mmCIF file of all heavy atoms, coordinates in Angstrom:
data_MODEL
# 
_entry.id   MODEL 
# 
loop_
_atom_site.group_PDB 
_atom_site.id 
_atom_site.type_symbol 
_atom_site.label_atom_id 
_atom_site.label_alt_id 
_atom_site.label_comp_id 
_atom_site.label_asym_id 
_atom_site.label_entity_id 
_atom_site.label_seq_id 
_atom_site.pdbx_PDB_ins_code 
_atom_site.Cartn_x 
_atom_site.Cartn_y 
_atom_site.Cartn_z 
_atom_site.occupancy 
_atom_site.B_iso_or_equiv 
_atom_site.pdbx_formal_charge 
_atom_site.auth_seq_id 
_atom_site.auth_comp_id 
_atom_site.auth_asym_id 
_atom_site.auth_atom_id 
_atom_site.pdbx_PDB_model_num 
ATOM 1   N N   . ALA A 1 1  ? -17.678 -9.442  -84.261 1.00 0.00 ? 1  ALA A N   1 
ATOM 2   C CA  . ALA A 1 1  ? -18.945 -10.023 -84.745 1.00 0.00 ? 1  ALA A CA  1 
ATOM 3   C C   . ALA A 1 1  ? -19.777 -9.010  -85.463 1.00 0.00 ? 1  ALA A C   1 
ATOM 4   O O   . ALA A 1 1  ? -20.553 -9.326  -86.364 1.00 0.00 ? 1  ALA A O   1 
ATOM 5   C CB  . ALA A 1 1  ? -19.730 -10.610 -83.547 1.00 0.00 ? 1  ALA A CB  1 
ATOM 6   N N   . LYS A 1 2  ? -19.652 -7.737  -85.092 1.00 0.00 ? 2  LYS A N   1 
ATOM 7   C CA  . LYS A 1 2  ? -20.410 -6.670  -85.784 1.00 0.00 ? 2  LYS A CA  1 
ATOM 8   C C   . LYS A 1 2  ? -19.492 -5.465  -85.882 1.00 0.00 ? 2  LYS A C   1 
ATOM 9   O O   . LYS A 1 2  ? -18.509 -5.319  -85.154 1.00 0.00 ? 2  LYS A O   1 
ATOM 10  C CB  . LYS A 1 2  ? -21.693 -6.347  -85.024 1.00 0.00 ? 2  LYS A CB  1 
ATOM 11  C CG  . LYS A 1 2  ? -21.495 -6.019  -83.567 1.00 0.00 ? 2  LYS A CG  1 
ATOM 12  C CD  . LYS A 1 2  ? -22.840 -5.863  -82.893 1.00 0.00 ? 2  LYS A CD  1 
ATOM 13  C CE  . LYS A 1 2  ? -22.595 -5.713  -81.388 1.00 0.00 ? 2  LYS A CE  1 
ATOM 14  N NZ  . LYS A 1 2  ? -23.829 -5.667  -80.646 1.00 0.00 ? 2  LYS A NZ  1 
ATOM 15  N N   . PRO A 1 3  ? -19.773 -4.552  -86.785 1.00 0.00 ? 3  PRO A N   1 
ATOM 16  C CA  . PRO A 1 3  ? -18.858 -3.381  -86.942 1.00 0.00 ? 3  PRO A CA  1 
ATOM 17  C C   . PRO A 1 3  ? -18.773 -2.569  -85.672 1.00 0.00 ? 3  PRO A C   1 
ATOM 18  O O   . PRO A 1 3  ? -19.662 -2.592  -84.815 1.00 0.00 ? 3  PRO A O   1 
ATOM 19  C CB  . PRO A 1 3  ? -19.542 -2.561  -88.052 1.00 0.00 ? 3  PRO A CB  1 
ATOM 20  C CG  . PRO A 1 3  ? -20.511 -3.476  -88.709 1.00 0.00 ? 3  PRO A CG  1 
ATOM 21  C CD  . PRO A 1 3  ? -20.855 -4.538  -87.718 1.00 0.00 ? 3  PRO A CD  1 
ATOM 22  N N   . ALA A 1 4  ? -17.695 -1.777  -85.558 1.00 0.00 ? 4  ALA A N   1 
ATOM 23  C CA  . ALA A 1 4  ? -17.465 -0.927  -84.401 1.00 0.00 ? 4  ALA A CA  1 
ATOM 24  C C   . ALA A 1 4  ? -18.566 0.137   -84.304 1.00 0.00 ? 4  ALA A C   1 
ATOM 25  O O   . ALA A 1 4  ? -19.112 0.544   -85.317 1.00 0.00 ? 4  ALA A O   1 
ATOM 26  C CB  . ALA A 1 4  ? -16.102 -0.285  -84.516 1.00 0.00 ? 4  ALA A CB  1 
ATOM 27  N N   . ALA A 1 5  ? -18.809 0.531   -83.095 1.00 0.00 ? 5  ALA A N   1 
ATOM 28  C CA  . ALA A 1 5  ? -19.843 1.549   -82.853 1.00 0.00 ? 5  ALA A CA  1 
ATOM 29  C C   . ALA A 1 5  ? -19.372 2.911   -83.289 1.00 0.00 ? 5  ALA A C   1 
ATOM 30  O O   . ALA A 1 5  ? -18.191 3.176   -83.364 1.00 0.00 ? 5  ALA A O   1 
ATOM 31  C CB  . ALA A 1 5  ? -20.221 1.559   -81.383 1.00 0.00 ? 5  ALA A CB  1 
ATOM 32  N N   . VAL A 1 6  ? -20.302 3.795   -83.590 1.00 0.00 ? 6  VAL A N   1 
ATOM 33  C CA  . VAL A 1 6  ? -20.034 5.170   -83.937 1.00 0.00 ? 6  VAL A CA  1 
ATOM 34  C C   . VAL A 1 6  ? -19.600 5.907   -82.680 1.00 0.00 ? 6  VAL A C   1 
ATOM 35  O O   . VAL A 1 6  ? -20.026 5.568   -81.582 1.00 0.00 ? 6  VAL A O   1 
ATOM 36  C CB  . VAL A 1 6  ? -21.282 5.813   -84.616 1.00 0.00 ? 6  VAL A CB  1 
ATOM 37  C CG1 . VAL A 1 6  ? -20.972 7.254   -84.969 1.00 0.00 ? 6  VAL A CG1 1 
ATOM 38  C CG2 . VAL A 1 6  ? -21.686 5.015   -85.809 1.00 0.00 ? 6  VAL A CG2 1 
ATOM 39  N N   . SER A 1 7  ? -18.780 6.942   -82.835 1.00 0.00 ? 7  SER A N   1 
ATOM 40  C CA  . SER A 1 7  ? -18.336 7.692   -81.699 1.00 0.00 ? 7  SER A CA  1 
ATOM 41  C C   . SER A 1 7  ? -19.487 8.298   -80.887 1.00 0.00 ? 7  SER A C   1 
ATOM 42  O O   . SER A 1 7  ? -20.451 8.768   -81.484 1.00 0.00 ? 7  SER A O   1 
ATOM 43  C CB  . SER A 1 7  ? -17.396 8.829   -82.162 1.00 0.00 ? 7  SER A CB  1 
ATOM 44  O OG  . SER A 1 7  ? -16.988 9.614   -81.106 1.00 0.00 ? 7  SER A OG  1 
ATOM 45  N N   . GLY A 1 8  ? -19.361 8.276   -79.598 1.00 0.00 ? 8  GLY A N   1 
ATOM 46  C CA  . GLY A 1 8  ? -20.378 8.808   -78.714 1.00 0.00 ? 8  GLY A CA  1 
ATOM 47  C C   . GLY A 1 8  ? -20.340 10.320  -78.613 1.00 0.00 ? 8  GLY A C   1 
ATOM 48  O O   . GLY A 1 8  ? -19.457 10.988  -79.108 1.00 0.00 ? 8  GLY A O   1 
ATOM 49  N N   . PRO A 1 9  ? -21.323 10.961  -77.900 1.00 0.00 ? 9  PRO A N   1 
ATOM 50  C CA  . PRO A 1 9  ? -21.365 12.399  -77.802 1.00 0.00 ? 9  PRO A CA  1 
ATOM 51  C C   . PRO A 1 9  ? -20.518 12.897  -76.629 1.00 0.00 ? 9  PRO A C   1 
ATOM 52  O O   . PRO A 1 9  ? -20.224 12.177  -75.672 1.00 0.00 ? 9  PRO A O   1 
ATOM 53  C CB  . PRO A 1 9  ? -22.862 12.663  -77.521 1.00 0.00 ? 9  PRO A CB  1 
ATOM 54  C CG  . PRO A 1 9  ? -23.325 11.457  -76.781 1.00 0.00 ? 9  PRO A CG  1 
ATOM 55  C CD  . PRO A 1 9  ? -22.540 10.307  -77.389 1.00 0.00 ? 9  PRO A CD  1 
ATOM 56  N N   . GLY A 1 10 ? -20.113 14.163  -76.713 1.00 0.00 ? 10 GLY A N   1 
ATOM 57  C CA  . GLY A 1 10 ? -19.422 14.852  -75.621 1.00 0.00 ? 10 GLY A CA  1 
ATOM 58  C C   . GLY A 1 10 ? -18.190 14.168  -75.091 1.00 0.00 ? 10 GLY A C   1 
ATOM 59  O O   . GLY A 1 10 ? -17.299 13.819  -75.844 1.00 0.00 ? 10 GLY A O   1 
ATOM 60  N N   . ALA A 1 11 ? -18.174 13.933  -73.766 1.00 0.00 ? 11 ALA A N   1 
ATOM 61  C CA  . ALA A 1 11 ? -17.005 13.331  -73.122 1.00 0.00 ? 11 ALA A CA  1 
ATOM 62  C C   . ALA A 1 11 ? -16.772 11.904  -73.570 1.00 0.00 ? 11 ALA A C   1 
ATOM 63  O O   . ALA A 1 11 ? -15.680 11.379  -73.423 1.00 0.00 ? 11 ALA A O   1 
ATOM 64  C CB  . ALA A 1 11 ? -17.178 13.392  -71.610 1.00 0.00 ? 11 ALA A CB  1 
ATOM 65  N N   . LEU A 1 12 ? -17.776 11.267  -74.115 1.00 0.00 ? 12 LEU A N   1 
ATOM 66  C CA  . LEU A 1 12 ? -17.619 9.870   -74.594 1.00 0.00 ? 12 LEU A CA  1 
ATOM 67  C C   . LEU A 1 12 ? -17.156 9.791   -76.027 1.00 0.00 ? 12 LEU A C   1 
ATOM 68  O O   . LEU A 1 12 ? -16.954 8.679   -76.555 1.00 0.00 ? 12 LEU A O   1 
ATOM 69  C CB  . LEU A 1 12 ? -18.961 9.138   -74.474 1.00 0.00 ? 12 LEU A CB  1 
ATOM 70  C CG  . LEU A 1 12 ? -19.612 9.102   -73.072 1.00 0.00 ? 12 LEU A CG  1 
ATOM 71  C CD1 . LEU A 1 12 ? -20.972 8.479   -73.158 1.00 0.00 ? 12 LEU A CD1 1 
ATOM 72  C CD2 . LEU A 1 12 ? -18.729 8.367   -72.111 1.00 0.00 ? 12 LEU A CD2 1 
ATOM 73  N N   . SER A 1 13 ? -16.917 10.912  -76.630 1.00 0.00 ? 13 SER A N   1 
ATOM 74  C CA  . SER A 1 13 ? -16.537 10.902  -78.066 1.00 0.00 ? 13 SER A CA  1 
ATOM 75  C C   . SER A 1 13 ? -15.105 10.429  -78.252 1.00 0.00 ? 13 SER A C   1 
ATOM 76  O O   . SER A 1 13 ? -14.248 10.621  -77.387 1.00 0.00 ? 13 SER A O   1 
ATOM 77  C CB  . SER A 1 13 ? -16.685 12.305  -78.693 1.00 0.00 ? 13 SER A CB  1 
ATOM 78  O OG  . SER A 1 13 ? -15.711 13.161  -78.112 1.00 0.00 ? 13 SER A OG  1 
ATOM 79  N N   . GLN A 1 14 ? -14.878 9.767   -79.358 1.00 0.00 ? 14 GLN A N   1 
ATOM 80  C CA  . GLN A 1 14 ? -13.560 9.312   -79.738 1.00 0.00 ? 14 GLN A CA  1 
ATOM 81  C C   . GLN A 1 14 ? -13.313 9.790   -81.162 1.00 0.00 ? 14 GLN A C   1 
ATOM 82  O O   . GLN A 1 14 ? -14.246 9.904   -81.976 1.00 0.00 ? 14 GLN A O   1 
ATOM 83  C CB  . GLN A 1 14 ? -13.448 7.819   -79.689 1.00 0.00 ? 14 GLN A CB  1 
ATOM 84  C CG  . GLN A 1 14 ? -13.594 7.238   -78.293 1.00 0.00 ? 14 GLN A CG  1 
ATOM 85  C CD  . GLN A 1 14 ? -13.537 5.748   -78.312 1.00 0.00 ? 14 GLN A CD  1 
ATOM 86  O OE1 . GLN A 1 14 ? -13.530 5.124   -79.382 1.00 0.00 ? 14 GLN A OE1 1 
ATOM 87  N NE2 . GLN A 1 14 ? -13.533 5.148   -77.124 1.00 0.00 ? 14 GLN A NE2 1 
ATOM 88  N N   . ARG A 1 15 ? -12.068 10.039  -81.459 1.00 0.00 ? 15 ARG A N   1 
ATOM 89  C CA  . ARG A 1 15 ? -11.743 10.533  -82.822 1.00 0.00 ? 15 ARG A CA  1 
ATOM 90  C C   . ARG A 1 15 ? -12.042 9.437   -83.850 1.00 0.00 ? 15 ARG A C   1 
ATOM 91  O O   . ARG A 1 15 ? -11.725 8.266   -83.637 1.00 0.00 ? 15 ARG A O   1 
ATOM 92  C CB  . ARG A 1 15 ? -10.277 10.931  -82.929 1.00 0.00 ? 15 ARG A CB  1 
ATOM 93  C CG  . ARG A 1 15 ? -9.969  12.155  -82.080 1.00 0.00 ? 15 ARG A CG  1 
ATOM 94  C CD  . ARG A 1 15 ? -8.575  12.569  -82.289 1.00 0.00 ? 15 ARG A CD  1 
ATOM 95  N NE  . ARG A 1 15 ? -8.413  13.049  -83.665 1.00 0.00 ? 15 ARG A NE  1 
ATOM 96  C CZ  . ARG A 1 15 ? -7.402  13.755  -84.099 1.00 0.00 ? 15 ARG A CZ  1 
ATOM 97  N NH1 . ARG A 1 15 ? -6.452  14.106  -83.252 1.00 0.00 ? 15 ARG A NH1 1 
ATOM 98  N NH2 . ARG A 1 15 ? -7.348  14.162  -85.315 1.00 0.00 ? 15 ARG A NH2 1 
ATOM 99  N N   . THR A 1 16 ? -12.691 9.803   -84.927 1.00 0.00 ? 16 THR A N   1 
ATOM 100 C CA  . THR A 1 16 ? -12.987 8.868   -85.969 1.00 0.00 ? 16 THR A CA  1 
ATOM 101 C C   . THR A 1 16 ? -12.339 9.282   -87.296 1.00 0.00 ? 16 THR A C   1 
ATOM 102 O O   . THR A 1 16 ? -12.643 8.705   -88.357 1.00 0.00 ? 16 THR A O   1 
ATOM 103 C CB  . THR A 1 16 ? -14.520 8.753   -86.197 1.00 0.00 ? 16 THR A CB  1 
ATOM 104 O OG1 . THR A 1 16 ? -15.018 10.044  -86.528 1.00 0.00 ? 16 THR A OG1 1 
ATOM 105 C CG2 . THR A 1 16 ? -15.193 8.196   -84.961 1.00 0.00 ? 16 THR A CG2 1 
ATOM 106 N N   . ASP A 1 17 ? -11.483 10.318  -87.239 1.00 0.00 ? 17 ASP A N   1 
ATOM 107 C CA  . ASP A 1 17 ? -10.826 10.745  -88.468 1.00 0.00 ? 17 ASP A CA  1 
ATOM 108 C C   . ASP A 1 17 ? -9.436  10.125  -88.622 1.00 0.00 ? 17 ASP A C   1 
ATOM 109 O O   . ASP A 1 17 ? -8.634  10.636  -89.380 1.00 0.00 ? 17 ASP A O   1 
ATOM 110 C CB  . ASP A 1 17 ? -10.727 12.290  -88.491 1.00 0.00 ? 17 ASP A CB  1 
ATOM 111 C CG  . ASP A 1 17 ? -9.845  12.830  -87.354 1.00 0.00 ? 17 ASP A CG  1 
ATOM 112 O OD1 . ASP A 1 17 ? -9.580  12.060  -86.435 1.00 0.00 ? 17 ASP A OD1 1 
ATOM 113 O OD2 . ASP A 1 17 ? -9.495  13.994  -87.407 1.00 0.00 ? 17 ASP A OD2 1 
ATOM 114 N N   . GLY A 1 18 ? -9.190  9.037   -87.948 1.00 0.00 ? 18 GLY A N   1 
ATOM 115 C CA  . GLY A 1 18 ? -7.875  8.384   -88.047 1.00 0.00 ? 18 GLY A CA  1 
ATOM 116 C C   . GLY A 1 18 ? -7.734  7.640   -89.353 1.00 0.00 ? 18 GLY A C   1 
ATOM 117 O O   . GLY A 1 18 ? -8.572  7.714   -90.261 1.00 0.00 ? 18 GLY A O   1 
ATOM 118 N N   . GLN A 1 19 ? -6.684  6.888   -89.455 1.00 0.00 ? 19 GLN A N   1 
ATOM 119 C CA  . GLN A 1 19 ? -6.412  6.121   -90.652 1.00 0.00 ? 19 GLN A CA  1 
ATOM 120 C C   . GLN A 1 19 ? -5.979  4.736   -90.217 1.00 0.00 ? 19 GLN A C   1 
ATOM 121 O O   . GLN A 1 19 ? -5.600  4.534   -89.079 1.00 0.00 ? 19 GLN A O   1 
ATOM 122 C CB  . GLN A 1 19 ? -5.323  6.791   -91.455 1.00 0.00 ? 19 GLN A CB  1 
ATOM 123 C CG  . GLN A 1 19 ? -4.074  7.042   -90.675 1.00 0.00 ? 19 GLN A CG  1 
ATOM 124 C CD  . GLN A 1 19 ? -3.118  7.945   -91.443 1.00 0.00 ? 19 GLN A CD  1 
ATOM 125 O OE1 . GLN A 1 19 ? -3.420  8.371   -92.524 1.00 0.00 ? 19 GLN A OE1 1 
ATOM 126 N NE2 . GLN A 1 19 ? -2.001  8.300   -90.855 1.00 0.00 ? 19 GLN A NE2 1 
ATOM 127 N N   . PRO A 1 20 ? -6.043  3.739   -91.118 1.00 0.00 ? 20 PRO A N   1 
ATOM 128 C CA  . PRO A 1 20 ? -5.559  2.407   -90.745 1.00 0.00 ? 20 PRO A CA  1 
ATOM 129 C C   . PRO A 1 20 ? -4.091  2.425   -90.406 1.00 0.00 ? 20 PRO A C   1 
ATOM 130 O O   . PRO A 1 20 ? -3.293  3.040   -91.130 1.00 0.00 ? 20 PRO A O   1 
ATOM 131 C CB  . PRO A 1 20 ? -5.856  1.553   -91.970 1.00 0.00 ? 20 PRO A CB  1 
ATOM 132 C CG  . PRO A 1 20 ? -6.239  2.480   -93.063 1.00 0.00 ? 20 PRO A CG  1 
ATOM 133 C CD  . PRO A 1 20 ? -6.506  3.807   -92.481 1.00 0.00 ? 20 PRO A CD  1 
ATOM 134 N N   . VAL A 1 21 ? -3.733  1.807   -89.317 1.00 0.00 ? 21 VAL A N   1 
ATOM 135 C CA  . VAL A 1 21 ? -2.332  1.758   -88.889 1.00 0.00 ? 21 VAL A CA  1 
ATOM 136 C C   . VAL A 1 21 ? -1.640  0.604   -89.570 1.00 0.00 ? 21 VAL A C   1 
ATOM 137 O O   . VAL A 1 21 ? -2.144  -0.504  -89.558 1.00 0.00 ? 21 VAL A O   1 
ATOM 138 C CB  . VAL A 1 21 ? -2.259  1.617   -87.346 1.00 0.00 ? 21 VAL A CB  1 
ATOM 139 C CG1 . VAL A 1 21 ? -0.832  1.503   -86.898 1.00 0.00 ? 21 VAL A CG1 1 
ATOM 140 C CG2 . VAL A 1 21 ? -2.912  2.796   -86.685 1.00 0.00 ? 21 VAL A CG2 1 
ATOM 141 N N   . ARG A 1 22 ? -0.502  0.853   -90.161 1.00 0.00 ? 22 ARG A N   1 
ATOM 142 C CA  . ARG A 1 22 ? 0.288   -0.161  -90.824 1.00 0.00 ? 22 ARG A CA  1 
ATOM 143 C C   . ARG A 1 22 ? 1.610   -0.308  -90.095 1.00 0.00 ? 22 ARG A C   1 
ATOM 144 O O   . ARG A 1 22 ? 2.298   0.671   -89.861 1.00 0.00 ? 22 ARG A O   1 
ATOM 145 C CB  . ARG A 1 22 ? 0.502   0.240   -92.266 1.00 0.00 ? 22 ARG A CB  1 
ATOM 146 C CG  . ARG A 1 22 ? -0.776  0.207   -93.071 1.00 0.00 ? 22 ARG A CG  1 
ATOM 147 C CD  . ARG A 1 22 ? -0.533  0.548   -94.519 1.00 0.00 ? 22 ARG A CD  1 
ATOM 148 N NE  . ARG A 1 22 ? -1.688  0.339   -95.328 1.00 0.00 ? 22 ARG A NE  1 
ATOM 149 C CZ  . ARG A 1 22 ? -2.732  1.146   -95.386 1.00 0.00 ? 22 ARG A CZ  1 
ATOM 150 N NH1 . ARG A 1 22 ? -2.761  2.214   -94.653 1.00 0.00 ? 22 ARG A NH1 1 
ATOM 151 N NH2 . ARG A 1 22 ? -3.751  0.873   -96.180 1.00 0.00 ? 22 ARG A NH2 1 
ATOM 152 N N   . ASP A 1 23 ? 1.919   -1.528  -89.716 1.00 0.00 ? 23 ASP A N   1 
ATOM 153 C CA  . ASP A 1 23 ? 3.169   -1.792  -89.035 1.00 0.00 ? 23 ASP A CA  1 
ATOM 154 C C   . ASP A 1 23 ? 4.310   -1.889  -90.034 1.00 0.00 ? 23 ASP A C   1 
ATOM 155 O O   . ASP A 1 23 ? 4.157   -2.510  -91.118 1.00 0.00 ? 23 ASP A O   1 
ATOM 156 C CB  . ASP A 1 23 ? 3.053   -3.078  -88.220 1.00 0.00 ? 23 ASP A CB  1 
ATOM 157 C CG  . ASP A 1 23 ? 2.140   -2.950  -87.024 1.00 0.00 ? 23 ASP A CG  1 
ATOM 158 O OD1 . ASP A 1 23 ? 2.130   -1.850  -86.436 1.00 0.00 ? 23 ASP A OD1 1 
ATOM 159 O OD2 . ASP A 1 23 ? 1.413   -3.892  -86.715 1.00 0.00 ? 23 ASP A OD2 1 
ATOM 160 N N   . ILE A 1 24 ? 5.446   -1.341  -89.673 1.00 0.00 ? 24 ILE A N   1 
ATOM 161 C CA  . ILE A 1 24 ? 6.613   -1.439  -90.516 1.00 0.00 ? 24 ILE A CA  1 
ATOM 162 C C   . ILE A 1 24 ? 7.546   -2.508  -89.972 1.00 0.00 ? 24 ILE A C   1 
ATOM 163 O O   . ILE A 1 24 ? 7.503   -2.831  -88.805 1.00 0.00 ? 24 ILE A O   1 
ATOM 164 C CB  . ILE A 1 24 ? 7.354   -0.085  -90.595 1.00 0.00 ? 24 ILE A CB  1 
ATOM 165 C CG1 . ILE A 1 24 ? 7.853   0.360   -89.211 1.00 0.00 ? 24 ILE A CG1 1 
ATOM 166 C CG2 . ILE A 1 24 ? 6.505   0.954   -91.252 1.00 0.00 ? 24 ILE A CG2 1 
ATOM 167 C CD1 . ILE A 1 24 ? 8.791   1.545   -89.287 1.00 0.00 ? 24 ILE A CD1 1 
# 
C-alpha cells in the first residue's frame, strides 16, 4: 500500500545496496 521503509539504525539496519532479484 505504501513504499518500503528506510533501513533502521544500528542493530535494526538492513542492507539497502541490493539489486532487484530476477528468477531464471
